[in-house]
Amino acid sequence: MTGMIIISSIFIICAILLWNIADKRGANTLFWAVMGGVFGPFAIPFVFLTKNRSSKSTQSKKPGN
């Protein structure tokens, strides 16, 4: 019983962590929170493979385009 509580807590913490990381990177927060809830700590490395949308908007355009 105690083991299930610990494992459930870890998965909930992962969901919250992935929500925050996805929010900072401009990714779909709900998707990543669900992935954290389902896959737990195994989903954390994959959120860093998403493109950082916030850096796209700050890139300058090349002259002549």
PDB file of N, CA and C in Angstrom:
ATOM      1  N   MET A   1       0.824  -1.199   0.000  1.00  0.00           N
ATOM      2  CA  MET A   1       0.000   0.000   0.000  1.00  0.00           C
ATOM      3  C   MET A   1       0.862   1.254   0.000  1.00  0.00           C
ATOM      4  N   THR A   2       1.895   1.273   0.800  1.00  0.00           N
ATOM      5  CA  THR A   2       2.773   2.436   0.858  1.00  0.00           C
ATOM      6  C   THR A   2       3.523   2.609  -0.454  1.00  0.00           C
ATOM      7  N   GLY A   3       3.882   1.498  -1.083  1.00  0.00           N
ATOM      8  CA  GLY A   3       4.586   1.567  -2.363  1.00  0.00           C
ATOM      9  C   GLY A   3       3.746   2.210  -3.447  1.00  0.00           C
ATOM     10  N   MET A   4       2.461   1.901  -3.465  1.00  0.00           N
ATOM     11  CA  MET A   4       1.567   2.495  -4.461  1.00  0.00           C
ATOM     12  C   MET A   4       1.424   3.998  -4.249  1.00  0.00           C
ATOM     13  N   ILE A   5       1.417   4.429  -3.013  1.00  0.00           N
ATOM     14  CA  ILE A   5       1.314   5.862  -2.721  1.00  0.00           C
ATOM     15  C   ILE A   5       2.572   6.581  -3.188  1.00  0.00           C
ATOM     16  N   ILE A   6       3.716   5.982  -2.966  1.00  0.00           N
ATOM     17  CA  ILE A   6       4.985   6.585  -3.384  1.00  0.00           C
ATOM     18  C   ILE A   6       5.065   6.656  -4.902  1.00  0.00           C
ATOM     19  N   ILE A   7       4.715   5.570  -5.572  1.00  0.00           N
ATOM     20  CA  ILE A   7       4.766   5.550  -7.036  1.00  0.00           C
ATOM     21  C   ILE A   7       3.776   6.548  -7.624  1.00  0.00           C
ATOM     22  N   SER A   8       2.577   6.608  -7.087  1.00  0.00           N
ATOM     23  CA  SER A   8       1.582   7.568  -7.560  1.00  0.00           C
ATOM     24  C   SER A   8       2.063   8.998  -7.362  1.00  0.00           C
ATOM     25  N   SER A   9       2.701   9.261  -6.238  1.00  0.00           N
ATOM     26  CA  SER A   9       3.231  10.602  -5.965  1.00  0.00           C
ATOM     27  C   SER A   9       4.318  10.978  -6.972  1.00  0.00           C
ATOM     28  N   ILE A  10       5.169  10.031  -7.309  1.00  0.00           N
ATOM     29  CA  ILE A  10       6.237  10.290  -8.285  1.00  0.00           C
ATOM     30  C   ILE A  10       5.640  10.633  -9.636  1.00  0.00           C
ATOM     31  N   PHE A  11       4.608   9.899 -10.051  1.00  0.00           N
ATOM     32  CA  PHE A  11       3.993  10.145 -11.348  1.00  0.00           C
ATOM     33  C   PHE A  11       3.264  11.492 -11.371  1.00  0.00           C
ATOM     34  N   ILE A  12       2.651  11.873 -10.275  1.00  0.00           N
ATOM     35  CA  ILE A  12       1.987  13.173 -10.199  1.00  0.00           C
ATOM     36  C   ILE A  12       3.014  14.300 -10.237  1.00  0.00           C
ATOM     37  N   ILE A  13       4.117  14.127  -9.537  1.00  0.00           N
ATOM     38  CA  ILE A  13       5.187  15.128  -9.559  1.00  0.00           C
ATOM     39  C   ILE A  13       5.764  15.258 -10.963  1.00  0.00           C
ATOM     40  N   CYS A  14       5.929  14.137 -11.658  1.00  0.00           N
ATOM     41  CA  CYS A  14       6.425  14.179 -13.039  1.00  0.00           C
ATOM     42  C   CYS A  14       5.452  14.920 -13.950  1.00  0.00           C
ATOM     43  N   ALA A  15       4.164  14.712 -13.758  1.00  0.00           N
ATOM     44  CA  ALA A  15       3.170  15.412 -14.573  1.00  0.00           C
ATOM     45  C   ALA A  15       3.259  16.918 -14.360  1.00  0.00           C
ATOM     46  N   ILE A  16       3.401  17.344 -13.125  1.00  0.00           N
ATOM     47  CA  ILE A  16       3.523  18.771 -12.816  1.00  0.00           C
ATOM     48  C   ILE A  16       4.822  19.334 -13.382  1.00  0.00           C
ATOM     49  N   LEU A  17       5.902  18.589 -13.240  1.00  0.00           N
ATOM     50  CA  LEU A  17       7.200  19.021 -13.752  1.00  0.00           C
ATOM     51  C   LEU A  17       7.169  19.167 -15.272  1.00  0.00           C
ATOM     52  N   LEU A  18       6.589  18.186 -15.952  1.00  0.00           N
ATOM     53  CA  LEU A  18       6.515  18.255 -17.408  1.00  0.00           C
ATOM     54  C   LEU A  18       5.604  19.384 -17.878  1.00  0.00           C
ATOM     55  N   TRP A  19       4.536  19.649 -17.129  1.00  0.00           N
ATOM     56  CA  TRP A  19       3.660  20.777 -17.460  1.00  0.00           C
ATOM     57  C   TRP A  19       4.473  22.080 -17.448  1.00  0.00           C
ATOM     58  N   ASN A  20       5.274  22.271 -16.407  1.00  0.00           N
ATOM     59  CA  ASN A  20       6.059  23.507 -16.280  1.00  0.00           C
ATOM     60  C   ASN A  20       7.134  23.608 -17.357  1.00  0.00           C
ATOM     61  N   ILE A  21       7.814  22.508 -17.646  1.00  0.00           N
ATOM     62  CA  ILE A  21       8.857  22.525 -18.676  1.00  0.00           C
ATOM     63  C   ILE A  21       8.239  22.823 -20.037  1.00  0.00           C
ATOM     64  N   ALA A  22       7.124  22.164 -20.347  1.00  0.00           N
ATOM     65  CA  ALA A  22       6.457  22.390 -21.633  1.00  0.00           C
ATOM     66  C   ALA A  22       5.966  23.825 -21.748  1.00  0.00           C
ATOM     67  N   ASP A  23       5.483  24.388 -20.666  1.00  0.00           N
ATOM     68  CA  ASP A  23       5.023  25.772 -20.682  1.00  0.00           C
ATOM     69  C   ASP A  23       6.170  26.727 -21.001  1.00  0.00           C
ATOM     70  N   LYS A  24       7.329  26.497 -20.418  1.00  0.00           N
ATOM     71  CA  LYS A  24       8.484  27.358 -20.671  1.00  0.00           C
ATOM     72  C   LYS A  24       9.007  27.204 -22.092  1.00  0.00           C
ATOM     73  N   ARG A  25       8.852  26.011 -22.675  1.00  0.00           N
ATOM     74  CA  ARG A  25       9.342  25.766 -24.028  1.00  0.00           C
ATOM     75  C   ARG A  25       8.300  26.085 -25.096  1.00  0.00           C
ATOM     76  N   GLY A  26       7.076  26.425 -24.702  1.00  0.00           N
ATOM     77  CA  GLY A  26       6.037  26.752 -25.649  1.00  0.00           C
ATOM     78  C   GLY A  26       5.372  25.528 -26.260  1.00  0.00           C
ATOM     79  N   ALA A  27       5.490  24.371 -25.614  1.00  0.00           N
ATOM     80  CA  ALA A  27       4.893  23.132 -26.117  1.00  0.00           C
ATOM     81  C   ALA A  27       3.494  22.959 -25.527  1.00  0.00           C
ATOM     82  N   ASN A  28       2.803  21.932 -25.959  1.00  0.00           N
ATOM     83  CA  ASN A  28       1.452  21.632 -25.495  1.00  0.00           C
ATOM     84  C   ASN A  28       1.515  21.126 -24.051  1.00  0.00           C
ATOM     85  N   THR A  29       1.060  21.939 -23.116  1.00  0.00           N
ATOM     86  CA  THR A  29       1.194  21.608 -21.696  1.00  0.00           C
ATOM     87  C   THR A  29       0.326  20.427 -21.290  1.00  0.00           C
ATOM     88  N   LEU A  30      -0.892  20.366 -21.795  1.00  0.00           N
ATOM     89  CA  LEU A  30      -1.787  19.265 -21.428  1.00  0.00           C
ATOM     90  C   LEU A  30      -1.229  17.928 -21.914  1.00  0.00           C
ATOM     91  N   PHE A  31      -0.724  17.900 -23.125  1.00  0.00           N
ATOM     92  CA  PHE A  31      -0.140  16.675 -23.671  1.00  0.00           C
ATOM     93  C   PHE A  31       0.999  16.177 -22.791  1.00  0.00           C
ATOM     94  N   TRP A  32       1.896  17.082 -22.425  1.00  0.00           N
ATOM     95  CA  TRP A  32       3.064  16.671 -21.652  1.00  0.00           C
ATOM     96  C   TRP A  32       2.713  16.321 -20.213  1.00  0.00           C
ATOM     97  N   ALA A  33       1.693  16.945 -19.658  1.00  0.00           N
ATOM     98  CA  ALA A  33       1.242  16.557 -18.315  1.00  0.00           C
ATOM     99  C   ALA A  33       0.673  15.139 -18.338  1.00  0.00           C
ATOM    100  N   VAL A  34      -0.080  14.821 -19.384  1.00  0.00           N
ATOM    101  CA  VAL A  34      -0.618  13.455 -19.500  1.00  0.00           C
ATOM    102  C   VAL A  34       0.520  12.460 -19.698  1.00  0.00           C
ATOM    103  N   MET A  35       1.495  12.812 -20.514  1.00  0.00           N
ATOM    104  CA  MET A  35       2.642  11.916 -20.716  1.00  0.00           C
ATOM    105  C   MET A  35       3.394  11.683 -19.397  1.00  0.00           C
ATOM    106  N   GLY A  36       3.518  12.733 -18.590  1.00  0.00           N
ATOM    107  CA  GLY A  36       4.154  12.587 -17.289  1.00  0.00           C
ATOM    108  C   GLY A  36       3.348  11.701 -16.356  1.00  0.00           C
ATOM    109  N   GLY A  37       2.020  11.808 -16.432  1.00  0.00           N
ATOM    110  CA  GLY A  37       1.167  10.978 -15.599  1.00  0.00           C
ATOM    111  C   GLY A  37       1.169   9.521 -16.019  1.00  0.00           C
ATOM    112  N   VAL A  38       1.311   9.277 -17.310  1.00  0.00           N
ATOM    113  CA  VAL A  38       1.281   7.903 -17.818  1.00  0.00           C
ATOM    114  C   VAL A  38       2.652   7.242 -17.732  1.00  0.00           C
ATOM    115  N   PHE A  39       3.684   7.939 -18.192  1.00  0.00           N
ATOM    116  CA  PHE A  39       5.010   7.339 -18.286  1.00  0.00           C
ATOM    117  C   PHE A  39       5.955   7.728 -17.147  1.00  0.00           C
ATOM    118  N   GLY A  40       5.561   8.692 -16.352  1.00  0.00           N
ATOM    119  CA  GLY A  40       6.360   9.082 -15.195  1.00  0.00           C
ATOM    120  C   GLY A  40       7.704   9.656 -15.592  1.00  0.00           C
ATOM    121  N   PRO A  41       8.748   9.284 -14.883  1.00  0.00           N
ATOM    122  CA  PRO A  41      10.070   9.858 -15.131  1.00  0.00           C
ATOM    123  C   PRO A  41      10.645   9.519 -16.505  1.00  0.00           C
ATOM    124  N   PHE A  42      10.091   8.512 -17.173  1.00  0.00           N
ATOM    125  CA  PHE A  42      10.596   8.141 -18.488  1.00  0.00           C
ATOM    126  C   PHE A  42      10.250   9.171 -19.556  1.00  0.00           C
ATOM    127  N   ALA A  43       9.288  10.037 -19.304  1.00  0.00           N
ATOM    128  CA  ALA A  43       8.877  11.053 -20.273  1.00  0.00           C
ATOM    129  C   ALA A  43       9.712  12.330 -20.173  1.00  0.00           C
ATOM    130  N   ILE A  44      10.435  12.502 -19.092  1.00  0.00           N
ATOM    131  CA  ILE A  44      11.168  13.758 -18.878  1.00  0.00           C
ATOM    132  C   ILE A  44      12.193  14.041 -19.976  1.00  0.00           C
ATOM    133  N   PRO A  45      13.018  13.094 -20.401  1.00  0.00           N
ATOM    134  CA  PRO A  45      13.994  13.434 -21.458  1.00  0.00           C
ATOM    135  C   PRO A  45      13.342  13.830 -22.779  1.00  0.00           C
ATOM    136  N   PHE A  46      12.162  13.299 -23.063  1.00  0.00           N
ATOM    137  CA  PHE A  46      11.523  13.549 -24.351  1.00  0.00           C
ATOM    138  C   PHE A  46      10.949  14.955 -24.464  1.00  0.00           C
ATOM    139  N   VAL A  47      10.600  15.574 -23.348  1.00  0.00           N
ATOM    140  CA  VAL A  47      10.090  16.942 -23.419  1.00  0.00           C
ATOM    141  C   VAL A  47      11.185  17.900 -23.884  1.00  0.00           C
ATOM    142  N   PHE A  48      12.433  17.553 -23.649  1.00  0.00           N
ATOM    143  CA  PHE A  48      13.535  18.409 -24.079  1.00  0.00           C
ATOM    144  C   PHE A  48      13.835  18.244 -25.561  1.00  0.00           C
ATOM    145  N   LEU A  49      13.250  17.233 -26.208  1.00  0.00           N
ATOM    146  CA  LEU A  49      13.427  17.055 -27.638  1.00  0.00           C
ATOM    147  C   LEU A  49      12.453  17.907 -28.447  1.00  0.00           C
ATOM    148  N   THR A  50      11.457  18.495 -27.777  1.00  0.00           N
ATOM    149  CA  THR A  50      10.513  19.358 -28.483  1.00  0.00           C
ATOM    150  C   THR A  50      11.205  20.665 -28.842  1.00  0.00           C
ATOM    151  N   LYS A  51      10.741  21.263 -29.914  1.00  0.00           N
ATOM    152  CA  LYS A  51      11.329  22.524 -30.342  1.00  0.00           C
ATOM    153  C   LYS A  51      10.914  23.628 -29.381  1.00  0.00           C
ATOM    154  N   ASN A  52      11.831  24.523 -29.132  1.00  0.00           N
ATOM    155  CA  ASN A  52      11.571  25.655 -28.263  1.00  0.00           C
ATOM    156  C   ASN A  52      10.914  26.753 -29.092  1.00  0.00           C
ATOM    157  N   ARG A  53       9.602  26.883 -28.997  1.00  0.00           N
ATOM    158  CA  ARG A  53       8.856  27.840 -29.819  1.00  0.00           C
ATOM    159  C   ARG A  53       9.148  29.278 -29.441  1.00  0.00           C
ATOM    160  N   SER A  54       9.524  29.522 -28.210  1.00  0.00           N
ATOM    161  CA  SER A  54       9.766  30.905 -27.793  1.00  0.00           C
ATOM    162  C   SER A  54      11.013  31.481 -28.454  1.00  0.00           C
ATOM    163  N   SER A  55      11.990  30.650 -28.805  1.00  0.00           N
ATOM    164  CA  SER A  55      13.191  31.168 -29.447  1.00  0.00           C
ATOM    165  C   SER A  55      12.947  31.458 -30.921  1.00  0.00           C
ATOM    166  N   LYS A  56      11.930  30.826 -31.535  1.00  0.00           N
ATOM    167  CA  LYS A  56      11.614  31.078 -32.930  1.00  0.00           C
ATOM    168  C   LYS A  56      11.170  32.510 -33.145  1.00  0.00           C
ATOM    169  N   SER A  57      10.384  33.024 -32.236  1.00  0.00           N
ATOM    170  CA  SER A  57       9.847  34.367 -32.397  1.00  0.00           C
ATOM    171  C   SER A  57      10.900  35.447 -32.170  1.00  0.00           C
ATOM    172  N   THR A  58      11.990  35.109 -31.514  1.00  0.00           N
ATOM    173  CA  THR A  58      13.015  36.110 -31.231  1.00  0.00           C
ATOM    174  C   THR A  58      14.121  36.116 -32.273  1.00  0.00           C
ATOM    175  N   GLN A  59      14.097  35.158 -33.226  1.00  0.00           N
ATOM    176  CA  GLN A  59      15.124  35.129 -34.243  1.00  0.00           C
ATOM    177  C   GLN A  59      14.913  36.283 -35.221  1.00  0.00           C
ATOM    178  N   SER A  60      16.008  36.880 -35.635  1.00  0.00           N
ATOM    179  CA  SER A  60      15.897  37.989 -36.578  1.00  0.00           C
ATOM    180  C   SER A  60      15.857  37.432 -38.000  1.00  0.00           C
ATOM    181  N   LYS A  61      15.147  38.165 -38.854  1.00  0.00           N
ATOM    182  CA  LYS A  61      15.067  37.763 -40.253  1.00  0.00           C
ATOM    183  C   LYS A  61      16.307  38.211 -40.985  1.00  0.00           C
ATOM    184  N   LYS A  62      16.676  37.448 -42.006  1.00  0.00           N
ATOM    185  CA  LYS A  62      17.844  37.814 -42.832  1.00  0.00           C
ATOM    186  C   LYS A  62      17.467  39.007 -43.688  1.00  0.00           C
ATOM    187  N   PRO A  63      18.435  39.884 -43.950  1.00  0.00           N
ATOM    188  CA  PRO A  63      18.150  41.035 -44.804  1.00  0.00           C
ATOM    189  C   PRO A  63      17.831  40.570 -46.239  1.00  0.00           C
ATOM    190  N   GLY A  64      16.867  41.231 -46.866  1.00  0.00           N
ATOM    191  CA  GLY A  64      16.512  40.900 -48.236  1.00  0.00           C
ATOM    192  C   GLY A  64      15.358  39.922 -48.319  1.00  0.00           C
ATOM    193  N   ASN A  65      14.840  39.456 -47.202  1.00  0.00           N
ATOM    194  CA  ASN A  65      13.701  38.513 -47.236  1.00  0.00           C
ATOM    195  C   ASN A  65      12.420  39.213 -46.960  1.00  0.00           C
TER     196      ASN A  65
END
